[in-house]
């Protein structure tokens, strides 16, 4: 499904943002994993802004680094606990568990970019252009929803894509209802015949209706 944007119409299109990437490749949320599998099976065109992929990578690396720092703090506490009589053996067994967790976290940290690249291969990745950046900047400075700078970049990138690409069924999935669930944003996407949904299961329901599958 990877490719460049064009005026071509497709049957079904799913637009996603950062949380779908993290929820699929890191948290392995059942609904998202099934949804991405469904998209591949039925040829749904999955679209994601380039900036959302970059944000997912930065967010995951920061999350892992926080967890590694927390492990170091735990080790310091364990060193203090181990000074008590007959506690050393108990502490040693905990340390072994922490060592295993640290090794796994460092392994996953090294694999983050590869996982994101693999995810991107089944998507149309929409680049951030100067024109889109300008529109997003104006939206952000005007204090218009979704308010946050990165979310404004995601919104304007997808809207610009929709001006060039049409589909019989077009949905935007975001699990960030707090930032995106505003009448203005719903209206922006509806002008491009795209509905915004906040639950992968709701998207699956709409896809099943379209394809006529149980």
N, C-alpha and C. Protein backbone atom coordinates (compact mmCIF):
# COMPACT_ATOMS: atom_id res chain seq x y z
N UNK A 1 0.80 -1.20 0.00
CA UNK A 1 0.00 0.00 0.00
C UNK A 1 0.84 1.26 0.00
N UNK A 2 2.13 1.17 0.22
CA UNK A 2 2.98 2.34 0.26
C UNK A 2 3.01 2.99 -1.10
N UNK A 3 3.08 4.32 -1.11
CA UNK A 3 3.13 5.00 -2.39
C UNK A 3 3.01 6.49 -2.22
N UNK A 4 2.99 7.21 -3.35
CA UNK A 4 2.88 8.65 -3.32
C UNK A 4 1.44 9.07 -3.54
N UNK A 5 1.13 10.31 -3.13
CA UNK A 5 -0.22 10.81 -3.28
C UNK A 5 -0.52 11.11 -4.74
N UNK A 6 -1.80 11.01 -5.11
CA UNK A 6 -2.23 11.34 -6.46
C UNK A 6 -3.71 11.66 -6.41
N UNK A 7 -4.30 11.99 -7.58
CA UNK A 7 -5.72 12.30 -7.63
C UNK A 7 -6.57 11.05 -7.74
N UNK A 8 -5.96 9.90 -7.72
CA UNK A 8 -6.66 8.64 -7.90
C UNK A 8 -7.66 8.39 -6.76
N UNK A 9 -8.82 7.82 -7.10
CA UNK A 9 -9.80 7.44 -6.09
C UNK A 9 -9.62 5.98 -5.74
N UNK A 10 -9.74 5.68 -4.47
CA UNK A 10 -9.67 4.30 -3.99
C UNK A 10 -10.99 3.96 -3.32
N UNK A 11 -11.18 2.69 -3.01
CA UNK A 11 -12.43 2.26 -2.38
C UNK A 11 -12.52 2.73 -0.92
N UNK A 12 -11.52 2.35 -0.13
CA UNK A 12 -11.57 2.64 1.30
C UNK A 12 -10.23 3.21 1.76
N UNK A 13 -10.31 4.21 2.61
CA UNK A 13 -9.10 4.87 3.09
C UNK A 13 -9.19 5.06 4.61
N UNK A 14 -8.12 4.74 5.29
CA UNK A 14 -8.03 4.94 6.74
C UNK A 14 -6.88 5.88 7.04
N UNK A 15 -7.19 7.02 7.65
CA UNK A 15 -6.18 7.98 8.07
C UNK A 15 -5.89 7.76 9.55
N UNK A 16 -4.62 7.75 9.92
CA UNK A 16 -4.26 7.49 11.31
C UNK A 16 -3.22 8.50 11.78
N UNK A 17 -2.95 8.49 13.09
CA UNK A 17 -1.95 9.40 13.65
C UNK A 17 -1.06 8.63 14.63
N UNK A 18 -0.30 9.36 15.42
CA UNK A 18 0.77 8.78 16.25
C UNK A 18 0.31 7.63 17.13
N UNK A 19 -0.85 7.79 17.78
CA UNK A 19 -1.29 6.78 18.75
C UNK A 19 -1.54 5.42 18.12
N UNK A 20 -1.92 5.41 16.84
CA UNK A 20 -2.14 4.13 16.17
C UNK A 20 -0.83 3.38 15.97
N UNK A 21 0.24 4.13 15.71
CA UNK A 21 1.56 3.52 15.54
C UNK A 21 2.02 2.90 16.86
N UNK A 22 1.97 3.70 17.91
CA UNK A 22 2.43 3.23 19.22
C UNK A 22 1.55 2.08 19.71
N UNK A 23 0.26 2.21 19.52
CA UNK A 23 -0.66 1.16 19.99
C UNK A 23 -0.50 -0.14 19.26
N UNK A 24 -0.01 -0.07 18.00
CA UNK A 24 0.17 -1.29 17.21
C UNK A 24 1.52 -1.94 17.46
N UNK A 25 2.60 -1.17 17.34
CA UNK A 25 3.93 -1.79 17.37
C UNK A 25 4.50 -1.93 18.78
N UNK A 26 4.00 -1.16 19.74
CA UNK A 26 4.57 -1.22 21.09
C UNK A 26 3.59 -1.84 22.08
N UNK A 27 2.38 -1.29 22.12
CA UNK A 27 1.41 -1.79 23.10
C UNK A 27 0.67 -3.03 22.60
N UNK A 28 0.70 -3.24 21.29
CA UNK A 28 0.04 -4.40 20.67
C UNK A 28 -1.42 -4.50 21.10
N UNK A 29 -2.13 -3.38 21.03
CA UNK A 29 -3.55 -3.37 21.38
C UNK A 29 -4.30 -4.27 20.40
N UNK A 30 -5.12 -5.12 20.95
CA UNK A 30 -5.78 -6.14 20.13
C UNK A 30 -6.61 -5.52 19.01
N UNK A 31 -7.37 -4.48 19.34
CA UNK A 31 -8.22 -3.85 18.34
C UNK A 31 -7.43 -3.24 17.20
N UNK A 32 -6.32 -2.60 17.52
CA UNK A 32 -5.48 -1.98 16.48
C UNK A 32 -4.77 -3.02 15.63
N UNK A 33 -4.24 -4.04 16.28
CA UNK A 33 -3.55 -5.10 15.53
C UNK A 33 -4.51 -5.76 14.55
N UNK A 34 -5.73 -6.04 15.02
CA UNK A 34 -6.73 -6.64 14.13
C UNK A 34 -7.10 -5.69 13.01
N UNK A 35 -7.24 -4.41 13.32
CA UNK A 35 -7.61 -3.42 12.31
C UNK A 35 -6.56 -3.34 11.21
N UNK A 36 -5.28 -3.30 11.59
CA UNK A 36 -4.23 -3.22 10.58
C UNK A 36 -4.19 -4.49 9.73
N UNK A 37 -4.46 -5.63 10.37
CA UNK A 37 -4.52 -6.89 9.62
C UNK A 37 -5.70 -6.87 8.65
N UNK A 38 -6.82 -6.34 9.08
CA UNK A 38 -8.01 -6.22 8.23
C UNK A 38 -7.69 -5.34 7.02
N UNK A 39 -7.00 -4.22 7.27
CA UNK A 39 -6.65 -3.30 6.18
C UNK A 39 -5.79 -3.99 5.12
N UNK A 40 -4.83 -4.78 5.57
CA UNK A 40 -3.97 -5.48 4.62
C UNK A 40 -4.76 -6.55 3.85
N UNK A 41 -5.66 -7.22 4.56
CA UNK A 41 -6.43 -8.30 3.93
C UNK A 41 -7.36 -7.76 2.85
N UNK A 42 -7.98 -6.61 3.09
CA UNK A 42 -8.97 -6.09 2.16
C UNK A 42 -8.44 -4.95 1.28
N UNK A 43 -7.17 -4.64 1.41
CA UNK A 43 -6.59 -3.61 0.54
C UNK A 43 -6.99 -2.20 0.90
N UNK A 44 -7.28 -1.95 2.18
CA UNK A 44 -7.59 -0.59 2.63
C UNK A 44 -6.32 0.26 2.55
N UNK A 45 -6.44 1.45 2.00
CA UNK A 45 -5.31 2.37 1.92
C UNK A 45 -5.14 3.07 3.26
N UNK A 46 -4.01 2.83 3.92
CA UNK A 46 -3.73 3.43 5.22
C UNK A 46 -2.81 4.63 5.01
N UNK A 47 -3.18 5.76 5.61
CA UNK A 47 -2.48 7.01 5.39
C UNK A 47 -2.00 7.57 6.73
N UNK A 48 -0.74 7.98 6.79
CA UNK A 48 -0.21 8.57 8.02
C UNK A 48 0.73 9.72 7.69
N UNK A 49 0.65 10.83 8.41
CA UNK A 49 1.60 11.92 8.19
C UNK A 49 3.02 11.53 8.58
N UNK A 50 3.97 12.01 7.83
CA UNK A 50 5.38 11.76 8.15
C UNK A 50 5.71 12.26 9.55
N UNK A 51 5.13 13.39 9.94
CA UNK A 51 5.42 13.95 11.25
C UNK A 51 4.90 13.05 12.37
N UNK A 52 3.83 12.29 12.11
CA UNK A 52 3.30 11.38 13.12
C UNK A 52 4.25 10.21 13.36
N UNK A 53 4.88 9.73 12.28
CA UNK A 53 5.88 8.67 12.45
C UNK A 53 7.07 9.17 13.27
N UNK A 54 7.50 10.40 12.99
CA UNK A 54 8.62 10.98 13.74
C UNK A 54 8.26 11.15 15.21
N UNK A 55 7.03 11.59 15.46
CA UNK A 55 6.57 11.76 16.83
C UNK A 55 6.49 10.42 17.55
N UNK A 56 6.04 9.38 16.85
CA UNK A 56 5.96 8.05 17.47
C UNK A 56 7.34 7.55 17.88
N UNK A 57 8.32 7.75 16.99
CA UNK A 57 9.69 7.32 17.30
C UNK A 57 10.22 8.07 18.52
N UNK A 58 10.07 9.40 18.55
CA UNK A 58 10.57 10.19 19.66
C UNK A 58 9.87 9.81 20.96
N UNK A 59 8.56 9.59 20.88
CA UNK A 59 7.79 9.24 22.07
C UNK A 59 8.20 7.89 22.64
N UNK A 60 8.40 6.91 21.76
CA UNK A 60 8.79 5.58 22.22
C UNK A 60 10.19 5.58 22.83
N UNK A 61 11.12 6.27 22.19
CA UNK A 61 12.48 6.34 22.74
C UNK A 61 12.48 7.04 24.10
N UNK A 62 11.70 8.11 24.23
CA UNK A 62 11.64 8.82 25.51
C UNK A 62 11.01 7.93 26.58
N UNK A 63 10.00 7.16 26.19
CA UNK A 63 9.34 6.26 27.14
C UNK A 63 10.30 5.20 27.64
N UNK A 64 11.06 4.59 26.72
CA UNK A 64 12.02 3.55 27.12
C UNK A 64 13.10 4.14 28.01
N UNK A 65 13.58 5.33 27.67
CA UNK A 65 14.62 5.96 28.49
C UNK A 65 14.12 6.25 29.90
N UNK A 66 12.86 6.66 30.02
CA UNK A 66 12.29 6.87 31.36
C UNK A 66 12.24 5.58 32.14
N UNK A 67 11.88 4.50 31.46
CA UNK A 67 11.80 3.20 32.13
C UNK A 67 13.18 2.71 32.55
N UNK A 68 14.18 2.93 31.71
CA UNK A 68 15.54 2.55 32.07
C UNK A 68 16.04 3.35 33.27
N UNK A 69 15.70 4.63 33.30
CA UNK A 69 16.08 5.46 34.45
C UNK A 69 15.39 4.99 35.72
N UNK A 70 14.14 4.54 35.59
CA UNK A 70 13.41 4.03 36.75
C UNK A 70 14.07 2.76 37.29
N UNK A 71 14.57 1.93 36.38
CA UNK A 71 15.27 0.72 36.82
C UNK A 71 16.51 1.07 37.64
N UNK A 72 17.22 2.10 37.23
CA UNK A 72 18.41 2.52 37.98
C UNK A 72 18.02 3.00 39.38
N UNK A 73 16.90 3.69 39.47
CA UNK A 73 16.43 4.13 40.78
C UNK A 73 16.06 2.94 41.65
N UNK A 74 15.42 1.94 41.05
CA UNK A 74 15.08 0.73 41.79
C UNK A 74 16.33 0.03 42.31
N UNK A 75 17.37 0.00 41.51
CA UNK A 75 18.62 -0.64 41.94
C UNK A 75 19.22 0.08 43.15
N UNK A 76 19.12 1.38 43.17
CA UNK A 76 19.64 2.12 44.32
C UNK A 76 18.86 1.77 45.59
N UNK A 77 17.55 1.66 45.45
CA UNK A 77 16.74 1.27 46.61
C UNK A 77 17.08 -0.14 47.06
N UNK A 78 17.30 -1.03 46.09
CA UNK A 78 17.64 -2.41 46.44
C UNK A 78 18.97 -2.48 47.18
N UNK A 79 19.93 -1.65 46.77
CA UNK A 79 21.22 -1.63 47.47
C UNK A 79 21.04 -1.25 48.93
N UNK A 80 20.11 -0.34 49.19
CA UNK A 80 19.84 0.07 50.56
C UNK A 80 19.16 -1.06 51.33
N UNK A 81 18.19 -1.72 50.67
CA UNK A 81 17.47 -2.82 51.32
C UNK A 81 18.43 -3.98 51.63
N UNK A 82 19.38 -4.23 50.74
CA UNK A 82 20.28 -5.38 50.89
C UNK A 82 21.19 -5.26 52.10
N UNK A 83 21.29 -4.05 52.66
CA UNK A 83 22.14 -3.88 53.84
C UNK A 83 21.54 -4.51 55.09
N UNK A 84 20.21 -4.75 55.06
CA UNK A 84 19.56 -5.36 56.21
C UNK A 84 19.93 -6.84 56.32
N UNK A 85 19.91 -7.35 57.53
CA UNK A 85 20.28 -8.75 57.77
C UNK A 85 19.37 -9.68 56.99
N UNK A 86 19.97 -10.68 56.33
CA UNK A 86 19.28 -11.76 55.63
C UNK A 86 18.41 -11.28 54.45
N UNK A 87 18.69 -10.08 53.95
CA UNK A 87 17.91 -9.56 52.82
C UNK A 87 18.66 -9.71 51.49
N UNK A 88 19.95 -10.02 51.56
CA UNK A 88 20.76 -10.02 50.36
C UNK A 88 20.27 -11.02 49.31
N UNK A 89 19.90 -12.23 49.75
CA UNK A 89 19.45 -13.25 48.79
C UNK A 89 18.15 -12.84 48.11
N UNK A 90 17.23 -12.26 48.89
CA UNK A 90 15.98 -11.80 48.30
C UNK A 90 16.22 -10.69 47.28
N UNK A 91 17.11 -9.78 47.64
CA UNK A 91 17.42 -8.67 46.74
C UNK A 91 18.09 -9.19 45.46
N UNK A 92 18.93 -10.19 45.60
CA UNK A 92 19.63 -10.73 44.44
C UNK A 92 18.65 -11.31 43.42
N UNK A 93 17.60 -11.97 43.89
CA UNK A 93 16.62 -12.53 42.97
C UNK A 93 15.86 -11.42 42.24
N UNK A 94 15.60 -10.32 42.94
CA UNK A 94 14.94 -9.18 42.30
C UNK A 94 15.87 -8.55 41.26
N UNK A 95 17.15 -8.44 41.60
CA UNK A 95 18.11 -7.86 40.66
C UNK A 95 18.15 -8.65 39.35
N UNK A 96 18.05 -9.97 39.45
CA UNK A 96 18.07 -10.80 38.24
C UNK A 96 16.87 -10.46 37.34
N UNK A 97 15.73 -10.25 37.99
CA UNK A 97 14.55 -9.86 37.21
C UNK A 97 14.74 -8.50 36.56
N UNK A 98 15.32 -7.55 37.29
CA UNK A 98 15.57 -6.22 36.73
C UNK A 98 16.56 -6.28 35.57
N UNK A 99 17.56 -7.15 35.70
CA UNK A 99 18.54 -7.30 34.61
C UNK A 99 17.87 -7.80 33.34
N UNK A 100 16.93 -8.73 33.50
CA UNK A 100 16.22 -9.26 32.34
C UNK A 100 15.34 -8.18 31.70
N UNK A 101 14.68 -7.37 32.55
CA UNK A 101 13.84 -6.28 32.04
C UNK A 101 14.70 -5.25 31.31
N UNK A 102 15.84 -4.92 31.88
CA UNK A 102 16.72 -3.93 31.25
C UNK A 102 17.22 -4.43 29.89
N UNK A 103 17.60 -5.69 29.83
CA UNK A 103 18.09 -6.25 28.57
C UNK A 103 17.01 -6.20 27.50
N UNK A 104 15.78 -6.50 27.88
CA UNK A 104 14.67 -6.47 26.92
C UNK A 104 14.37 -5.05 26.47
N UNK A 105 14.40 -4.09 27.41
CA UNK A 105 14.15 -2.70 27.05
C UNK A 105 15.21 -2.17 26.09
N UNK A 106 16.48 -2.50 26.35
CA UNK A 106 17.55 -2.03 25.47
C UNK A 106 17.43 -2.67 24.09
N UNK A 107 17.01 -3.92 24.05
CA UNK A 107 16.79 -4.60 22.77
C UNK A 107 15.68 -3.91 22.00
N UNK A 108 14.58 -3.60 22.68
CA UNK A 108 13.45 -2.95 22.02
C UNK A 108 13.81 -1.52 21.59
N UNK A 109 14.63 -0.87 22.39
CA UNK A 109 15.05 0.49 22.01
C UNK A 109 15.79 0.46 20.68
N UNK A 110 16.64 -0.52 20.51
CA UNK A 110 17.39 -0.65 19.26
C UNK A 110 16.49 -1.01 18.07
N UNK A 111 15.33 -1.59 18.37
CA UNK A 111 14.45 -2.06 17.30
C UNK A 111 13.34 -1.07 16.95
N UNK A 112 13.26 0.06 17.67
CA UNK A 112 12.17 1.00 17.47
C UNK A 112 12.10 1.50 16.03
N UNK A 113 13.23 1.98 15.51
CA UNK A 113 13.20 2.54 14.16
C UNK A 113 12.85 1.49 13.11
N UNK A 114 13.37 0.29 13.27
CA UNK A 114 13.05 -0.79 12.33
C UNK A 114 11.56 -1.11 12.37
N UNK A 115 10.98 -1.12 13.58
CA UNK A 115 9.55 -1.41 13.72
C UNK A 115 8.71 -0.32 13.05
N UNK A 116 9.12 0.93 13.21
CA UNK A 116 8.39 2.03 12.59
C UNK A 116 8.53 1.98 11.07
N UNK A 117 9.72 1.65 10.59
CA UNK A 117 9.92 1.52 9.15
C UNK A 117 9.05 0.42 8.57
N UNK A 118 8.96 -0.70 9.28
CA UNK A 118 8.12 -1.81 8.83
C UNK A 118 6.65 -1.39 8.80
N UNK A 119 6.22 -0.67 9.82
CA UNK A 119 4.84 -0.17 9.87
C UNK A 119 4.57 0.76 8.69
N UNK A 120 5.53 1.64 8.40
CA UNK A 120 5.34 2.62 7.34
C UNK A 120 5.24 1.98 5.96
N UNK A 121 5.81 0.81 5.81
CA UNK A 121 5.81 0.15 4.50
C UNK A 121 4.41 -0.23 4.03
N UNK A 122 3.46 -0.35 4.94
CA UNK A 122 2.09 -0.70 4.54
C UNK A 122 1.19 0.53 4.52
N UNK A 123 1.81 1.71 4.57
CA UNK A 123 1.06 2.96 4.59
C UNK A 123 1.48 3.88 3.44
N UNK A 124 0.62 4.83 3.13
CA UNK A 124 1.04 6.01 2.37
C UNK A 124 1.51 7.02 3.40
N UNK A 125 2.77 7.39 3.32
CA UNK A 125 3.34 8.36 4.26
C UNK A 125 3.30 9.74 3.60
N UNK A 126 2.56 10.66 4.22
CA UNK A 126 2.36 11.99 3.64
C UNK A 126 3.43 12.94 4.17
N UNK A 127 4.24 13.52 3.29
CA UNK A 127 5.33 14.39 3.74
C UNK A 127 4.81 15.72 4.29
N UNK A 128 5.63 16.33 5.12
CA UNK A 128 5.34 17.66 5.64
C UNK A 128 5.94 18.68 4.67
N UNK A 129 5.09 19.43 4.01
CA UNK A 129 5.53 20.42 3.03
C UNK A 129 5.54 21.82 3.66
N UNK A 130 6.24 22.77 3.06
CA UNK A 130 6.22 24.15 3.58
C UNK A 130 4.81 24.73 3.62
N UNK A 131 3.99 24.39 2.62
CA UNK A 131 2.62 24.91 2.59
C UNK A 131 1.80 24.37 3.77
N UNK A 132 1.95 23.09 4.02
CA UNK A 132 1.23 22.48 5.15
C UNK A 132 1.73 23.05 6.47
N UNK A 133 3.04 23.21 6.58
CA UNK A 133 3.60 23.76 7.82
C UNK A 133 3.05 25.15 8.08
N UNK A 134 2.93 25.97 7.03
CA UNK A 134 2.40 27.32 7.18
C UNK A 134 0.95 27.29 7.67
N UNK A 135 0.13 26.43 7.08
CA UNK A 135 -1.27 26.32 7.51
C UNK A 135 -1.36 25.85 8.96
N UNK A 136 -0.52 24.89 9.31
CA UNK A 136 -0.54 24.37 10.67
C UNK A 136 -0.09 25.45 11.66
N UNK A 137 0.89 26.23 11.26
CA UNK A 137 1.40 27.29 12.14
C UNK A 137 0.31 28.34 12.39
N UNK A 138 -0.41 28.71 11.33
CA UNK A 138 -1.50 29.68 11.47
C UNK A 138 -2.59 29.12 12.38
N UNK A 139 -2.93 27.84 12.20
CA UNK A 139 -3.94 27.20 13.04
C UNK A 139 -3.51 27.23 14.50
N UNK A 140 -2.25 26.90 14.73
CA UNK A 140 -1.72 26.84 16.10
C UNK A 140 -1.68 28.23 16.73
N UNK A 141 -1.17 29.23 16.00
CA UNK A 141 -1.07 30.59 16.53
C UNK A 141 -2.44 31.21 16.76
N UNK A 142 -3.43 30.79 15.96
CA UNK A 142 -4.79 31.30 16.14
C UNK A 142 -5.53 30.60 17.27
N UNK A 143 -4.86 29.67 17.94
CA UNK A 143 -5.45 28.91 19.04
C UNK A 143 -6.71 28.16 18.60
N UNK A 144 -6.60 27.55 17.42
CA UNK A 144 -7.69 26.75 16.89
C UNK A 144 -7.44 25.28 17.21
N UNK A 145 -8.50 24.49 17.42
CA UNK A 145 -8.30 23.06 17.69
C UNK A 145 -7.64 22.38 16.50
N UNK A 146 -6.75 21.42 16.80
CA UNK A 146 -6.51 20.72 18.07
C UNK A 146 -5.51 21.40 19.01
N UNK A 147 -5.16 22.68 18.78
CA UNK A 147 -4.41 23.52 19.71
C UNK A 147 -2.91 23.21 19.78
N UNK A 148 -2.52 21.95 20.00
CA UNK A 148 -1.11 21.62 20.12
C UNK A 148 -0.43 21.68 18.75
N UNK A 149 0.83 22.11 18.75
CA UNK A 149 1.53 22.33 17.48
C UNK A 149 1.63 21.05 16.65
N UNK A 150 2.03 19.94 17.26
CA UNK A 150 2.16 18.69 16.51
C UNK A 150 0.81 18.20 16.00
N UNK A 151 -0.22 18.35 16.81
CA UNK A 151 -1.55 17.93 16.37
C UNK A 151 -2.05 18.79 15.22
N UNK A 152 -1.70 20.07 15.22
CA UNK A 152 -2.06 20.94 14.10
C UNK A 152 -1.33 20.50 12.83
N UNK A 153 -0.08 20.07 12.97
CA UNK A 153 0.67 19.56 11.81
C UNK A 153 0.02 18.30 11.25
N UNK A 154 -0.39 17.40 12.14
CA UNK A 154 -1.07 16.18 11.71
C UNK A 154 -2.37 16.51 10.98
N UNK A 155 -3.15 17.40 11.57
CA UNK A 155 -4.45 17.77 10.99
C UNK A 155 -4.30 18.37 9.60
N UNK A 156 -3.42 19.35 9.47
CA UNK A 156 -3.27 20.03 8.18
C UNK A 156 -2.64 19.12 7.13
N UNK A 157 -1.77 18.22 7.55
CA UNK A 157 -1.18 17.27 6.61
C UNK A 157 -2.26 16.36 6.02
N UNK A 158 -3.13 15.86 6.88
CA UNK A 158 -4.19 14.96 6.41
C UNK A 158 -5.22 15.70 5.55
N UNK A 159 -5.57 16.91 5.94
CA UNK A 159 -6.53 17.68 5.15
C UNK A 159 -5.97 17.99 3.77
N UNK A 160 -4.69 18.31 3.70
CA UNK A 160 -4.07 18.58 2.40
C UNK A 160 -4.07 17.32 1.54
N UNK A 161 -3.81 16.17 2.15
CA UNK A 161 -3.86 14.91 1.43
C UNK A 161 -5.25 14.65 0.87
N UNK A 162 -6.28 14.92 1.67
CA UNK A 162 -7.65 14.66 1.25
C UNK A 162 -8.10 15.57 0.11
N UNK A 163 -7.44 16.69 -0.06
CA UNK A 163 -7.78 17.56 -1.19
C UNK A 163 -7.37 16.93 -2.52
N UNK A 164 -6.42 15.98 -2.46
CA UNK A 164 -5.89 15.37 -3.68
C UNK A 164 -6.33 13.93 -3.87
N UNK A 165 -6.83 13.30 -2.80
CA UNK A 165 -7.13 11.88 -2.86
C UNK A 165 -8.53 11.63 -2.31
N UNK A 166 -9.35 10.90 -3.04
CA UNK A 166 -10.72 10.63 -2.64
C UNK A 166 -10.93 9.13 -2.46
N UNK A 167 -11.98 8.79 -1.71
CA UNK A 167 -12.32 7.39 -1.49
C UNK A 167 -13.82 7.25 -1.33
N UNK A 168 -14.34 6.08 -1.64
CA UNK A 168 -15.76 5.81 -1.43
C UNK A 168 -16.09 5.83 0.07
N UNK A 169 -15.15 5.34 0.89
CA UNK A 169 -15.29 5.41 2.34
C UNK A 169 -13.96 5.89 2.91
N UNK A 170 -14.00 6.99 3.63
CA UNK A 170 -12.78 7.57 4.20
C UNK A 170 -13.01 7.85 5.68
N UNK A 171 -12.14 7.28 6.53
CA UNK A 171 -12.26 7.45 7.98
C UNK A 171 -10.93 7.92 8.56
N UNK A 172 -11.02 8.78 9.57
CA UNK A 172 -9.84 9.21 10.32
C UNK A 172 -9.95 8.65 11.73
N UNK A 173 -9.04 7.77 12.09
CA UNK A 173 -9.01 7.18 13.43
C UNK A 173 -7.99 7.91 14.28
N UNK A 174 -8.46 8.48 15.37
CA UNK A 174 -7.58 9.03 16.38
C UNK A 174 -8.10 8.61 17.74
N UNK A 175 -7.22 8.16 18.60
CA UNK A 175 -7.62 7.79 19.95
C UNK A 175 -7.35 8.91 20.93
N UNK A 176 -7.08 10.09 20.37
CA UNK A 176 -6.82 11.29 21.17
C UNK A 176 -8.04 12.19 21.13
N UNK A 177 -9.14 11.72 21.69
CA UNK A 177 -10.39 12.48 21.66
C UNK A 177 -10.26 13.80 22.39
N UNK A 178 -9.46 13.83 23.43
CA UNK A 178 -9.30 15.05 24.22
C UNK A 178 -8.83 16.22 23.35
N UNK A 179 -7.95 15.94 22.40
CA UNK A 179 -7.39 17.00 21.56
C UNK A 179 -8.12 17.17 20.23
N UNK A 180 -8.70 16.10 19.70
CA UNK A 180 -9.26 16.15 18.35
C UNK A 180 -10.78 16.22 18.29
N UNK A 181 -11.46 15.86 19.37
CA UNK A 181 -12.92 15.80 19.32
C UNK A 181 -13.53 17.19 19.50
N UNK A 182 -13.43 18.00 18.45
CA UNK A 182 -13.98 19.36 18.44
C UNK A 182 -14.83 19.52 17.18
N UNK A 183 -15.94 20.24 17.28
CA UNK A 183 -16.82 20.41 16.11
C UNK A 183 -16.08 20.96 14.89
N UNK A 184 -15.13 21.87 15.12
CA UNK A 184 -14.40 22.45 13.99
C UNK A 184 -13.60 21.41 13.22
N UNK A 185 -13.00 20.47 13.95
CA UNK A 185 -12.18 19.45 13.27
C UNK A 185 -13.09 18.45 12.57
N UNK A 186 -14.17 18.06 13.21
CA UNK A 186 -15.14 17.18 12.53
C UNK A 186 -15.60 17.82 11.23
N UNK A 187 -15.90 19.12 11.28
CA UNK A 187 -16.38 19.82 10.08
C UNK A 187 -15.30 19.87 9.00
N UNK A 188 -14.05 20.10 9.41
CA UNK A 188 -12.95 20.14 8.44
C UNK A 188 -12.85 18.84 7.66
N UNK A 189 -12.95 17.71 8.37
CA UNK A 189 -12.81 16.42 7.70
C UNK A 189 -14.09 16.05 6.93
N UNK A 190 -15.24 16.44 7.45
CA UNK A 190 -16.47 16.13 6.73
C UNK A 190 -16.56 16.85 5.40
N UNK A 191 -15.92 18.02 5.31
CA UNK A 191 -15.88 18.72 4.03
C UNK A 191 -15.17 17.90 2.97
N UNK A 192 -14.34 16.96 3.43
CA UNK A 192 -13.64 16.06 2.51
C UNK A 192 -14.21 14.64 2.58
N UNK A 193 -15.48 14.55 3.01
CA UNK A 193 -16.20 13.27 3.05
C UNK A 193 -15.45 12.23 3.90
N UNK A 194 -14.94 12.69 5.02
CA UNK A 194 -14.20 11.82 5.93
C UNK A 194 -14.76 11.96 7.34
N UNK A 195 -15.12 10.85 7.95
CA UNK A 195 -15.62 10.86 9.32
C UNK A 195 -14.49 10.55 10.29
N UNK A 196 -14.52 11.21 11.43
CA UNK A 196 -13.51 11.00 12.46
C UNK A 196 -14.07 10.09 13.54
N UNK A 197 -13.34 9.01 13.85
CA UNK A 197 -13.74 8.05 14.87
C UNK A 197 -12.63 7.92 15.90
N UNK A 198 -13.00 7.42 17.10
CA UNK A 198 -12.05 7.41 18.22
C UNK A 198 -11.79 6.01 18.79
N UNK A 199 -12.30 5.01 18.13
CA UNK A 199 -12.15 3.64 18.62
C UNK A 199 -11.92 2.72 17.42
N UNK A 200 -10.84 1.91 17.44
CA UNK A 200 -10.59 1.01 16.31
C UNK A 200 -11.74 0.06 16.05
N UNK A 201 -12.47 -0.33 17.09
CA UNK A 201 -13.60 -1.23 16.90
C UNK A 201 -14.71 -0.56 16.09
N UNK A 202 -14.90 0.75 16.30
CA UNK A 202 -15.89 1.48 15.52
C UNK A 202 -15.49 1.53 14.04
N UNK A 203 -14.20 1.63 13.79
CA UNK A 203 -13.70 1.62 12.41
C UNK A 203 -13.96 0.26 11.77
N UNK A 204 -13.68 -0.79 12.52
CA UNK A 204 -13.89 -2.15 12.01
C UNK A 204 -15.36 -2.36 11.64
N UNK A 205 -16.26 -1.85 12.47
CA UNK A 205 -17.70 -1.96 12.19
C UNK A 205 -18.03 -1.31 10.85
N UNK A 206 -17.50 -0.11 10.62
CA UNK A 206 -17.78 0.59 9.36
C UNK A 206 -17.18 -0.16 8.17
N UNK A 207 -15.99 -0.70 8.34
CA UNK A 207 -15.36 -1.46 7.24
C UNK A 207 -16.16 -2.72 6.92
N UNK A 208 -16.63 -3.41 7.96
CA UNK A 208 -17.40 -4.63 7.75
C UNK A 208 -18.69 -4.32 7.00
N UNK A 209 -19.32 -3.21 7.34
CA UNK A 209 -20.54 -2.81 6.63
C UNK A 209 -20.22 -2.57 5.15
N UNK A 210 -19.12 -1.87 4.89
CA UNK A 210 -18.76 -1.52 3.51
C UNK A 210 -18.48 -2.77 2.67
N UNK A 211 -17.73 -3.70 3.27
CA UNK A 211 -17.33 -4.90 2.53
C UNK A 211 -18.37 -6.02 2.61
N UNK A 212 -19.38 -5.83 3.46
CA UNK A 212 -20.41 -6.85 3.58
C UNK A 212 -19.95 -8.13 4.21
N UNK A 213 -19.08 -8.01 5.24
CA UNK A 213 -18.59 -9.21 5.93
C UNK A 213 -19.10 -9.20 7.35
N UNK A 214 -19.27 -10.39 7.91
CA UNK A 214 -19.81 -10.52 9.26
C UNK A 214 -18.75 -10.17 10.30
